[in-house]
Amino acid sequence: MAAGAFKATIAAAALAFLAVFVAVVMPPLIAHPDIAGAFAAGFVNPYASGYSADTLACWVILSAWILYERHTHGIRHGWVCIVLGMVPGVAVGFALYLLIRIRRGVVG
């Protein structure tokens, strides 16, 4: 895959996720602004719990990677990706971090 197509694909995927997140999550959260309840709702059944646990594990792994590369490759502003990995989600934080890495010339 060409670099331009790769960048466009991950940016489009992050934006698509963000649009779904805003459309699905924000209305009920605005109606009932209970952050803890919203988080707990991700664990309402075994299937949702599995997906939620996977997402949390991915966020921890992404955060560790970002913090590691801050020291080994000098990539700054990765903390923004860690925050975006919490809200709206790992898809946005991960996509942005890949774009930051590409811009810095860090590959592999």
N, C-alpha and C. Protein backbone atom coordinates (compact mmCIF):
# COMPACT_ATOMS: atom_id res chain seq x y z
N MET A 1 0.86 -1.18 0.00
CA MET A 1 0.00 0.00 0.00
C MET A 1 0.90 1.23 0.00
N ALA A 2 0.56 2.18 -0.81
CA ALA A 2 1.32 3.42 -0.88
C ALA A 2 1.10 4.24 0.39
N ALA A 3 2.08 5.08 0.73
CA ALA A 3 2.01 5.88 1.95
C ALA A 3 0.78 6.77 1.98
N GLY A 4 0.46 7.39 0.86
CA GLY A 4 -0.71 8.27 0.81
C GLY A 4 -2.01 7.51 1.07
N ALA A 5 -2.11 6.32 0.49
CA ALA A 5 -3.30 5.50 0.71
C ALA A 5 -3.38 5.04 2.16
N PHE A 6 -2.22 4.72 2.74
CA PHE A 6 -2.19 4.30 4.14
C PHE A 6 -2.68 5.42 5.05
N LYS A 7 -2.13 6.62 4.85
CA LYS A 7 -2.54 7.77 5.66
C LYS A 7 -4.03 8.05 5.50
N ALA A 8 -4.51 8.01 4.27
CA ALA A 8 -5.94 8.27 4.02
C ALA A 8 -6.81 7.21 4.67
N THR A 9 -6.37 5.96 4.62
CA THR A 9 -7.16 4.87 5.20
C THR A 9 -7.27 5.00 6.71
N ILE A 10 -6.14 5.25 7.39
CA ILE A 10 -6.23 5.33 8.85
C ILE A 10 -6.94 6.61 9.29
N ALA A 11 -6.78 7.69 8.55
CA ALA A 11 -7.51 8.91 8.89
C ALA A 11 -9.00 8.71 8.68
N ALA A 12 -9.39 8.08 7.59
CA ALA A 12 -10.81 7.82 7.32
C ALA A 12 -11.41 6.89 8.36
N ALA A 13 -10.66 5.85 8.76
CA ALA A 13 -11.17 4.93 9.78
C ALA A 13 -11.37 5.64 11.11
N ALA A 14 -10.41 6.49 11.48
CA ALA A 14 -10.54 7.23 12.74
C ALA A 14 -11.72 8.19 12.70
N LEU A 15 -11.89 8.89 11.58
CA LEU A 15 -13.01 9.82 11.45
C LEU A 15 -14.36 9.09 11.42
N ALA A 16 -14.39 7.93 10.77
CA ALA A 16 -15.63 7.14 10.75
C ALA A 16 -15.99 6.67 12.16
N PHE A 17 -14.99 6.19 12.90
CA PHE A 17 -15.24 5.80 14.28
C PHE A 17 -15.73 6.98 15.10
N LEU A 18 -15.08 8.12 14.94
CA LEU A 18 -15.46 9.32 15.68
C LEU A 18 -16.91 9.71 15.38
N ALA A 19 -17.32 9.62 14.13
CA ALA A 19 -18.70 9.95 13.75
C ALA A 19 -19.69 8.99 14.41
N VAL A 20 -19.37 7.70 14.39
CA VAL A 20 -20.24 6.71 15.04
C VAL A 20 -20.29 6.95 16.54
N PHE A 21 -19.13 7.21 17.14
CA PHE A 21 -19.06 7.48 18.58
C PHE A 21 -19.94 8.66 18.95
N VAL A 22 -19.82 9.75 18.20
CA VAL A 22 -20.61 10.94 18.50
C VAL A 22 -22.10 10.66 18.32
N ALA A 23 -22.47 9.94 17.26
CA ALA A 23 -23.88 9.67 16.98
C ALA A 23 -24.50 8.70 17.99
N VAL A 24 -23.73 7.72 18.44
CA VAL A 24 -24.28 6.67 19.31
C VAL A 24 -24.13 7.01 20.79
N VAL A 25 -22.98 7.52 21.19
CA VAL A 25 -22.69 7.70 22.62
C VAL A 25 -23.12 9.06 23.16
N MET A 26 -22.92 10.10 22.38
CA MET A 26 -23.16 11.43 22.92
C MET A 26 -24.61 11.73 23.30
N PRO A 27 -25.62 11.37 22.50
CA PRO A 27 -27.00 11.69 22.91
C PRO A 27 -27.39 11.12 24.28
N PRO A 28 -27.15 9.82 24.54
CA PRO A 28 -27.51 9.34 25.88
C PRO A 28 -26.64 9.94 26.99
N LEU A 29 -25.38 10.26 26.67
CA LEU A 29 -24.51 10.85 27.67
C LEU A 29 -24.94 12.28 28.00
N ILE A 30 -25.42 13.00 27.01
CA ILE A 30 -25.93 14.35 27.26
C ILE A 30 -27.22 14.28 28.08
N ALA A 31 -28.08 13.31 27.75
CA ALA A 31 -29.35 13.17 28.48
C ALA A 31 -29.13 12.74 29.92
N HIS A 32 -28.15 11.88 30.15
CA HIS A 32 -27.84 11.38 31.49
C HIS A 32 -26.32 11.42 31.67
N PRO A 33 -25.77 12.54 32.10
CA PRO A 33 -24.31 12.70 32.17
C PRO A 33 -23.66 11.92 33.32
N ASP A 34 -23.73 10.61 33.24
CA ASP A 34 -23.15 9.73 34.25
C ASP A 34 -21.97 9.00 33.61
N ILE A 35 -20.77 9.54 33.78
CA ILE A 35 -19.57 8.98 33.15
C ILE A 35 -19.29 7.56 33.65
N ALA A 36 -19.39 7.36 34.96
CA ALA A 36 -19.15 6.03 35.52
C ALA A 36 -20.17 5.02 34.99
N GLY A 37 -21.41 5.45 34.91
CA GLY A 37 -22.46 4.57 34.37
C GLY A 37 -22.22 4.25 32.91
N ALA A 38 -21.77 5.24 32.16
CA ALA A 38 -21.47 5.01 30.74
C ALA A 38 -20.33 4.00 30.59
N PHE A 39 -19.31 4.15 31.42
CA PHE A 39 -18.19 3.20 31.38
C PHE A 39 -18.67 1.79 31.76
N ALA A 40 -19.46 1.69 32.82
CA ALA A 40 -19.96 0.39 33.28
C ALA A 40 -20.86 -0.27 32.25
N ALA A 41 -21.54 0.53 31.43
CA ALA A 41 -22.43 -0.03 30.42
C ALA A 41 -21.68 -0.87 29.39
N GLY A 42 -20.38 -0.65 29.28
CA GLY A 42 -19.58 -1.46 28.37
C GLY A 42 -19.38 -2.88 28.87
N PHE A 43 -19.82 -3.15 30.09
CA PHE A 43 -19.65 -4.48 30.70
C PHE A 43 -20.99 -5.11 31.06
N VAL A 44 -22.03 -4.83 30.27
CA VAL A 44 -23.38 -5.29 30.62
C VAL A 44 -23.61 -6.78 30.36
N ASN A 45 -22.83 -7.39 29.50
CA ASN A 45 -22.97 -8.82 29.24
C ASN A 45 -21.60 -9.39 28.87
N PRO A 46 -21.48 -10.70 28.80
CA PRO A 46 -20.15 -11.27 28.53
C PRO A 46 -19.54 -10.81 27.21
N TYR A 47 -20.34 -10.60 26.19
CA TYR A 47 -19.80 -10.20 24.89
C TYR A 47 -19.30 -8.75 24.93
N ALA A 48 -20.12 -7.88 25.49
CA ALA A 48 -19.69 -6.49 25.63
C ALA A 48 -18.46 -6.41 26.54
N SER A 49 -18.43 -7.23 27.58
CA SER A 49 -17.28 -7.23 28.49
C SER A 49 -16.01 -7.65 27.77
N GLY A 50 -16.13 -8.63 26.88
CA GLY A 50 -14.96 -9.07 26.11
C GLY A 50 -14.43 -7.96 25.22
N TYR A 51 -15.33 -7.28 24.52
CA TYR A 51 -14.90 -6.18 23.65
C TYR A 51 -14.34 -5.02 24.47
N SER A 52 -14.96 -4.73 25.59
CA SER A 52 -14.48 -3.63 26.44
C SER A 52 -13.11 -3.95 27.02
N ALA A 53 -12.93 -5.20 27.48
CA ALA A 53 -11.63 -5.59 28.03
C ALA A 53 -10.55 -5.53 26.94
N ASP A 54 -10.89 -5.94 25.72
CA ASP A 54 -9.94 -5.87 24.62
C ASP A 54 -9.56 -4.41 24.33
N THR A 55 -10.53 -3.54 24.33
CA THR A 55 -10.28 -2.12 24.07
C THR A 55 -9.39 -1.52 25.15
N LEU A 56 -9.68 -1.85 26.40
CA LEU A 56 -8.85 -1.33 27.49
C LEU A 56 -7.42 -1.86 27.40
N ALA A 57 -7.26 -3.12 27.06
CA ALA A 57 -5.92 -3.70 26.90
C ALA A 57 -5.18 -3.02 25.74
N CYS A 58 -5.88 -2.77 24.65
CA CYS A 58 -5.26 -2.07 23.51
C CYS A 58 -4.82 -0.67 23.90
N TRP A 59 -5.63 0.00 24.72
CA TRP A 59 -5.25 1.35 25.16
C TRP A 59 -3.99 1.30 26.03
N VAL A 60 -3.90 0.31 26.92
CA VAL A 60 -2.71 0.18 27.77
C VAL A 60 -1.48 -0.11 26.92
N ILE A 61 -1.61 -1.00 25.94
CA ILE A 61 -0.49 -1.33 25.06
C ILE A 61 -0.08 -0.12 24.23
N LEU A 62 -1.05 0.59 23.67
CA LEU A 62 -0.74 1.81 22.91
C LEU A 62 -0.05 2.83 23.79
N SER A 63 -0.53 3.02 25.02
CA SER A 63 0.08 3.98 25.94
C SER A 63 1.52 3.61 26.25
N ALA A 64 1.76 2.32 26.50
CA ALA A 64 3.13 1.87 26.78
C ALA A 64 4.03 2.12 25.57
N TRP A 65 3.54 1.85 24.39
CA TRP A 65 4.31 2.07 23.17
C TRP A 65 4.65 3.55 23.00
N ILE A 66 3.65 4.41 23.21
CA ILE A 66 3.86 5.85 23.08
C ILE A 66 4.91 6.33 24.08
N LEU A 67 4.78 5.89 25.33
CA LEU A 67 5.74 6.31 26.35
C LEU A 67 7.14 5.77 26.09
N TYR A 68 7.22 4.55 25.57
CA TYR A 68 8.51 3.97 25.21
C TYR A 68 9.17 4.77 24.09
N GLU A 69 8.41 5.08 23.05
CA GLU A 69 8.99 5.79 21.91
C GLU A 69 9.29 7.25 22.22
N ARG A 70 8.68 7.77 23.24
CA ARG A 70 9.02 9.13 23.65
C ARG A 70 10.50 9.18 24.02
N HIS A 71 10.97 8.11 24.66
CA HIS A 71 12.37 8.07 25.10
C HIS A 71 13.30 7.54 24.01
N THR A 72 12.85 6.56 23.23
CA THR A 72 13.75 5.95 22.25
C THR A 72 13.82 6.71 20.94
N HIS A 73 12.72 7.36 20.54
CA HIS A 73 12.69 8.07 19.26
C HIS A 73 12.42 9.56 19.41
N GLY A 74 12.23 10.02 20.63
CA GLY A 74 12.01 11.44 20.86
C GLY A 74 10.70 11.97 20.30
N ILE A 75 9.70 11.10 20.19
CA ILE A 75 8.41 11.54 19.66
C ILE A 75 7.66 12.28 20.76
N ARG A 76 7.41 13.56 20.48
CA ARG A 76 6.71 14.39 21.46
C ARG A 76 5.22 14.45 21.11
N HIS A 77 4.46 14.91 22.05
CA HIS A 77 3.01 15.09 21.90
C HIS A 77 2.25 13.78 21.80
N GLY A 78 2.88 12.67 22.10
CA GLY A 78 2.17 11.39 22.11
C GLY A 78 1.13 11.34 23.20
N TRP A 79 1.31 12.14 24.25
CA TRP A 79 0.34 12.14 25.35
C TRP A 79 -1.05 12.52 24.83
N VAL A 80 -1.11 13.31 23.76
CA VAL A 80 -2.41 13.67 23.18
C VAL A 80 -3.10 12.41 22.68
N CYS A 81 -2.34 11.50 22.11
CA CYS A 81 -2.89 10.25 21.61
C CYS A 81 -3.36 9.35 22.75
N ILE A 82 -2.67 9.41 23.88
CA ILE A 82 -3.10 8.64 25.05
C ILE A 82 -4.44 9.15 25.54
N VAL A 83 -4.60 10.47 25.60
CA VAL A 83 -5.87 11.06 26.03
C VAL A 83 -6.97 10.72 25.04
N LEU A 84 -6.68 10.87 23.74
CA LEU A 84 -7.68 10.55 22.73
C LEU A 84 -8.02 9.06 22.72
N GLY A 85 -7.09 8.23 23.19
CA GLY A 85 -7.37 6.80 23.31
C GLY A 85 -8.40 6.50 24.38
N MET A 86 -8.49 7.39 25.37
CA MET A 86 -9.53 7.22 26.41
C MET A 86 -10.86 7.75 25.91
N VAL A 87 -10.86 8.94 25.36
CA VAL A 87 -12.08 9.55 24.82
C VAL A 87 -11.68 10.30 23.57
N PRO A 88 -12.18 9.97 22.44
CA PRO A 88 -13.29 9.09 22.15
C PRO A 88 -12.95 7.60 22.10
N GLY A 89 -11.71 7.23 21.78
CA GLY A 89 -11.39 5.80 21.77
C GLY A 89 -10.04 5.50 21.15
N VAL A 90 -9.63 4.26 21.31
CA VAL A 90 -8.33 3.80 20.85
C VAL A 90 -8.17 4.00 19.34
N ALA A 91 -9.24 3.84 18.59
CA ALA A 91 -9.14 4.00 17.14
C ALA A 91 -8.61 5.38 16.77
N VAL A 92 -9.06 6.41 17.45
CA VAL A 92 -8.62 7.77 17.15
C VAL A 92 -7.20 8.00 17.65
N GLY A 93 -6.91 7.61 18.88
CA GLY A 93 -5.57 7.78 19.43
C GLY A 93 -4.52 7.02 18.64
N PHE A 94 -4.82 5.79 18.26
CA PHE A 94 -3.88 4.96 17.52
C PHE A 94 -3.64 5.53 16.13
N ALA A 95 -4.70 5.93 15.45
CA ALA A 95 -4.54 6.50 14.10
C ALA A 95 -3.69 7.76 14.15
N LEU A 96 -3.98 8.64 15.10
CA LEU A 96 -3.19 9.87 15.21
C LEU A 96 -1.73 9.55 15.51
N TYR A 97 -1.48 8.57 16.38
CA TYR A 97 -0.09 8.25 16.70
C TYR A 97 0.65 7.71 15.48
N LEU A 98 -0.02 6.90 14.67
CA LEU A 98 0.62 6.43 13.44
C LEU A 98 0.95 7.59 12.51
N LEU A 99 0.04 8.54 12.40
CA LEU A 99 0.31 9.70 11.56
C LEU A 99 1.46 10.54 12.10
N ILE A 100 1.55 10.67 13.42
CA ILE A 100 2.67 11.39 14.03
C ILE A 100 3.99 10.68 13.73
N ARG A 101 3.99 9.35 13.84
CA ARG A 101 5.20 8.58 13.57
C ARG A 101 5.64 8.74 12.12
N ILE A 102 4.69 8.69 11.21
CA ILE A 102 5.01 8.85 9.79
C ILE A 102 5.60 10.23 9.54
N ARG A 103 5.00 11.23 10.12
CA ARG A 103 5.50 12.60 9.93
C ARG A 103 6.91 12.76 10.47
N ARG A 104 7.21 12.08 11.58
CA ARG A 104 8.56 12.15 12.17
C ARG A 104 9.56 11.28 11.43
N GLY A 105 9.08 10.43 10.52
CA GLY A 105 9.97 9.56 9.77
C GLY A 105 10.34 8.29 10.52
N VAL A 106 9.55 7.94 11.55
CA VAL A 106 9.80 6.71 12.32
C VAL A 106 8.95 5.60 11.69
N VAL A 107 9.60 4.60 11.16
CA VAL A 107 8.88 3.47 10.58
C VAL A 107 9.47 2.19 11.11
N GLY A 108 8.62 1.16 11.13
CA GLY A 108 9.09 -0.15 11.58
C GLY A 108 9.16 -0.34 13.04
